[in-house]
Amino acid sequence: MSDLRLVMSTVGSARQAKELGRQLVEEGLAACVTLLPGCVSVYRWEEEMQEEPECLLLIKTLDERLDDLEIRLGQLHPYELPEFLALEPAAVSDGYLGWVQAACRKTS
């Protein structure tokens, strides 16, 4: 097992996703954020069914950065309750893991 984590979150547009992803990478909270526009989410919110177009963010980070990432995502995110779902990959190449570790090093 490694300390790499894949965090999923959604926003309402590709523009919002790009801005959010850029900020997280610039702050060293993510090594890479992959944007998958064209999603549609169906969910219940405040007792009403919703169906909204969204853009999925796949955020590559480290376990040690999860708490800071969750806090910052909450500060930057346009939603009242942002999705924050962290997954632990079953496998990751040594080279890719090394790159993520270097990109996500704490600056303070």
C-alpha atoms as a PDB file:
ATOM      1  CA  MET A   1       0.000   0.000   0.000  1.00  0.00           C
ATOM      2  CA  SER A   2       1.079   3.577  -0.573  1.00  0.00           C
ATOM      3  CA  ASP A   3       0.120   6.941   0.811  1.00  0.00           C
ATOM      4  CA  LEU A   4      -1.365   8.062  -2.537  1.00  0.00           C
ATOM      5  CA  ARG A   5      -5.031   9.024  -2.400  1.00  0.00           C
ATOM      6  CA  LEU A   6      -7.543   9.765  -5.124  1.00  0.00           C
ATOM      7  CA  VAL A   7     -10.152  12.299  -4.017  1.00  0.00           C
ATOM      8  CA  MET A   8     -13.360  12.784  -5.969  1.00  0.00           C
ATOM      9  CA  SER A   9     -15.419  15.953  -5.937  1.00  0.00           C
ATOM     10  CA  THR A  10     -17.902  17.584  -8.301  1.00  0.00           C
ATOM     11  CA  VAL A  11     -18.746  21.154  -9.258  1.00  0.00           C
ATOM     12  CA  GLY A  12     -21.354  22.689 -11.535  1.00  0.00           C
ATOM     13  CA  SER A  13     -19.141  23.602 -14.502  1.00  0.00           C
ATOM     14  CA  ALA A  14     -15.838  22.866 -16.212  1.00  0.00           C
ATOM     15  CA  ARG A  15     -14.794  26.474 -15.561  1.00  0.00           C
ATOM     16  CA  GLN A  16     -15.314  26.072 -11.809  1.00  0.00           C
ATOM     17  CA  ALA A  17     -13.472  22.751 -11.886  1.00  0.00           C
ATOM     18  CA  LYS A  18     -10.507  24.246 -13.730  1.00  0.00           C
ATOM     19  CA  GLU A  19     -10.234  27.160 -11.288  1.00  0.00           C
ATOM     20  CA  LEU A  20     -10.507  24.862  -8.287  1.00  0.00           C
ATOM     21  CA  GLY A  21      -8.038  22.341  -9.700  1.00  0.00           C
ATOM     22  CA  ARG A  22      -5.490  25.010 -10.563  1.00  0.00           C
ATOM     23  CA  GLN A  23      -5.683  26.464  -7.040  1.00  0.00           C
ATOM     24  CA  LEU A  24      -5.214  23.065  -5.358  1.00  0.00           C
ATOM     25  CA  VAL A  25      -2.176  22.250  -7.511  1.00  0.00           C
ATOM     26  CA  GLU A  26      -0.653  25.712  -7.022  1.00  0.00           C
ATOM     27  CA  GLU A  27      -0.992  25.308  -3.242  1.00  0.00           C
ATOM     28  CA  GLY A  28       0.657  21.869  -3.281  1.00  0.00           C
ATOM     29  CA  LEU A  29      -2.461  20.130  -2.000  1.00  0.00           C
ATOM     30  CA  ALA A  30      -2.711  18.081  -5.186  1.00  0.00           C
ATOM     31  CA  ALA A  31      -0.168  16.836  -7.695  1.00  0.00           C
ATOM     32  CA  CYS A  32      -2.761  16.696 -10.456  1.00  0.00           C
ATOM     33  CA  VAL A  33      -6.469  17.306 -10.864  1.00  0.00           C
ATOM     34  CA  THR A  34      -8.136  15.582 -13.794  1.00  0.00           C
ATOM     35  CA  LEU A  35     -11.406  17.159 -14.956  1.00  0.00           C
ATOM     36  CA  LEU A  36     -14.199  15.041 -16.395  1.00  0.00           C
ATOM     37  CA  PRO A  37     -16.944  17.347 -17.698  1.00  0.00           C
ATOM     38  CA  GLY A  38     -20.279  16.101 -18.953  1.00  0.00           C
ATOM     39  CA  CYS A  39     -21.394  14.221 -15.841  1.00  0.00           C
ATOM     40  CA  VAL A  40     -24.952  14.329 -14.595  1.00  0.00           C
ATOM     41  CA  SER A  41     -25.691  13.793 -10.911  1.00  0.00           C
ATOM     42  CA  VAL A  42     -29.061  12.597  -9.662  1.00  0.00           C
ATOM     43  CA  TYR A  43     -29.571  13.063  -5.935  1.00  0.00           C
ATOM     44  CA  ARG A  44     -31.965  14.147  -3.227  1.00  0.00           C
ATOM     45  CA  TRP A  45     -31.265  17.530  -1.615  1.00  0.00           C
ATOM     46  CA  GLU A  46     -33.511  19.125   0.986  1.00  0.00           C
ATOM     47  CA  GLU A  47     -36.222  16.547   0.322  1.00  0.00           C
ATOM     48  CA  GLU A  48     -36.355  17.210  -3.422  1.00  0.00           C
ATOM     49  CA  MET A  49     -34.994  15.190  -6.316  1.00  0.00           C
ATOM     50  CA  GLN A  50     -32.276  16.970  -8.258  1.00  0.00           C
ATOM     51  CA  GLU A  51     -30.658  16.267 -11.625  1.00  0.00           C
ATOM     52  CA  GLU A  52     -27.772  18.568 -12.453  1.00  0.00           C
ATOM     53  CA  PRO A  53     -24.913  18.689 -14.956  1.00  0.00           C
ATOM     54  CA  GLU A  54     -21.556  18.563 -13.191  1.00  0.00           C
ATOM     55  CA  CYS A  55     -17.840  18.216 -13.745  1.00  0.00           C
ATOM     56  CA  LEU A  56     -16.018  15.505 -11.790  1.00  0.00           C
ATOM     57  CA  LEU A  57     -12.596  16.299 -10.340  1.00  0.00           C
ATOM     58  CA  LEU A  58     -10.143  13.437  -9.742  1.00  0.00           C
ATOM     59  CA  ILE A  59      -7.643  14.887  -7.293  1.00  0.00           C
ATOM     60  CA  LYS A  60      -4.353  13.038  -6.815  1.00  0.00           C
ATOM     61  CA  THR A  61      -2.797  13.729  -3.408  1.00  0.00           C
ATOM     62  CA  LEU A  62      -1.189  12.122  -0.363  1.00  0.00           C
ATOM     63  CA  ASP A  63      -2.757  10.763   2.805  1.00  0.00           C
ATOM     64  CA  GLU A  64      -0.853  13.355   4.876  1.00  0.00           C
ATOM     65  CA  ARG A  65      -2.467  16.180   2.854  1.00  0.00           C
ATOM     66  CA  LEU A  66      -6.085  14.958   3.140  1.00  0.00           C
ATOM     67  CA  ASP A  67      -7.071  17.089   6.142  1.00  0.00           C
ATOM     68  CA  ASP A  68      -5.613  20.272   4.614  1.00  0.00           C
ATOM     69  CA  LEU A  69      -7.172  19.419   1.242  1.00  0.00           C
ATOM     70  CA  GLU A  70     -10.613  18.874   2.757  1.00  0.00           C
ATOM     71  CA  ILE A  71     -10.445  22.205   4.607  1.00  0.00           C
ATOM     72  CA  ARG A  72      -9.246  24.131   1.551  1.00  0.00           C
ATOM     73  CA  LEU A  73     -11.754  22.440  -0.746  1.00  0.00           C
ATOM     74  CA  GLY A  74     -14.513  23.548   1.631  1.00  0.00           C
ATOM     75  CA  GLN A  75     -13.215  27.127   1.514  1.00  0.00           C
ATOM     76  CA  LEU A  76     -12.968  27.275  -2.282  1.00  0.00           C
ATOM     77  CA  HIS A  77     -15.912  25.110  -3.299  1.00  0.00           C
ATOM     78  CA  PRO A  78     -19.107  26.752  -4.590  1.00  0.00           C
ATOM     79  CA  TYR A  79     -21.395  24.128  -2.994  1.00  0.00           C
ATOM     80  CA  GLU A  80     -22.802  24.271   0.531  1.00  0.00           C
ATOM     81  CA  LEU A  81     -21.787  20.622   1.013  1.00  0.00           C
ATOM     82  CA  PRO A  82     -18.916  19.655  -1.299  1.00  0.00           C
ATOM     83  CA  GLU A  83     -18.341  16.029  -2.165  1.00  0.00           C
ATOM     84  CA  PHE A  84     -15.093  14.790  -0.596  1.00  0.00           C
ATOM     85  CA  LEU A  85     -14.532  11.108  -1.221  1.00  0.00           C
ATOM     86  CA  ALA A  86     -10.985   9.788  -0.723  1.00  0.00           C
ATOM     87  CA  LEU A  87     -10.018   6.424  -2.190  1.00  0.00           C
ATOM     88  CA  GLU A  88      -6.891   4.361  -1.592  1.00  0.00           C
ATOM     89  CA  PRO A  89      -5.562   2.799  -4.817  1.00  0.00           C
ATOM     90  CA  ALA A  90      -4.803  -0.927  -4.737  1.00  0.00           C
ATOM     91  CA  ALA A  91      -1.594  -0.277  -6.674  1.00  0.00           C
ATOM     92  CA  VAL A  92       0.518   2.634  -7.897  1.00  0.00           C
ATOM     93  CA  SER A  93       3.808   2.682  -9.775  1.00  0.00           C
ATOM     94  CA  ASP A  94       6.878   3.794  -7.843  1.00  0.00           C
ATOM     95  CA  GLY A  95       7.646   6.520 -10.385  1.00  0.00           C
ATOM     96  CA  TYR A  96       4.168   8.040 -10.252  1.00  0.00           C
ATOM     97  CA  LEU A  97       4.082   7.877  -6.458  1.00  0.00           C
ATOM     98  CA  GLY A  98       7.445   9.655  -6.282  1.00  0.00           C
ATOM     99  CA  TRP A  99       6.161  12.410  -8.539  1.00  0.00           C
ATOM    100  CA  VAL A 100       3.016  12.894  -6.418  1.00  0.00           C
ATOM    101  CA  GLN A 101       5.106  12.967  -3.235  1.00  0.00           C
ATOM    102  CA  ALA A 102       7.365  15.670  -4.695  1.00  0.00           C
ATOM    103  CA  ALA A 103       4.427  17.729  -5.976  1.00  0.00           C
ATOM    104  CA  CYS A 104       2.487  17.582  -2.701  1.00  0.00           C
ATOM    105  CA  ARG A 105       5.273  18.415  -0.285  1.00  0.00           C
ATOM    106  CA  LYS A 106       4.267  20.857   2.421  1.00  0.00           C
ATOM    107  CA  THR A 107       5.597  24.348   1.836  1.00  0.00           C
ATOM    108  CA  SER A 108       5.208  25.574   5.420  1.00  0.00           C
END
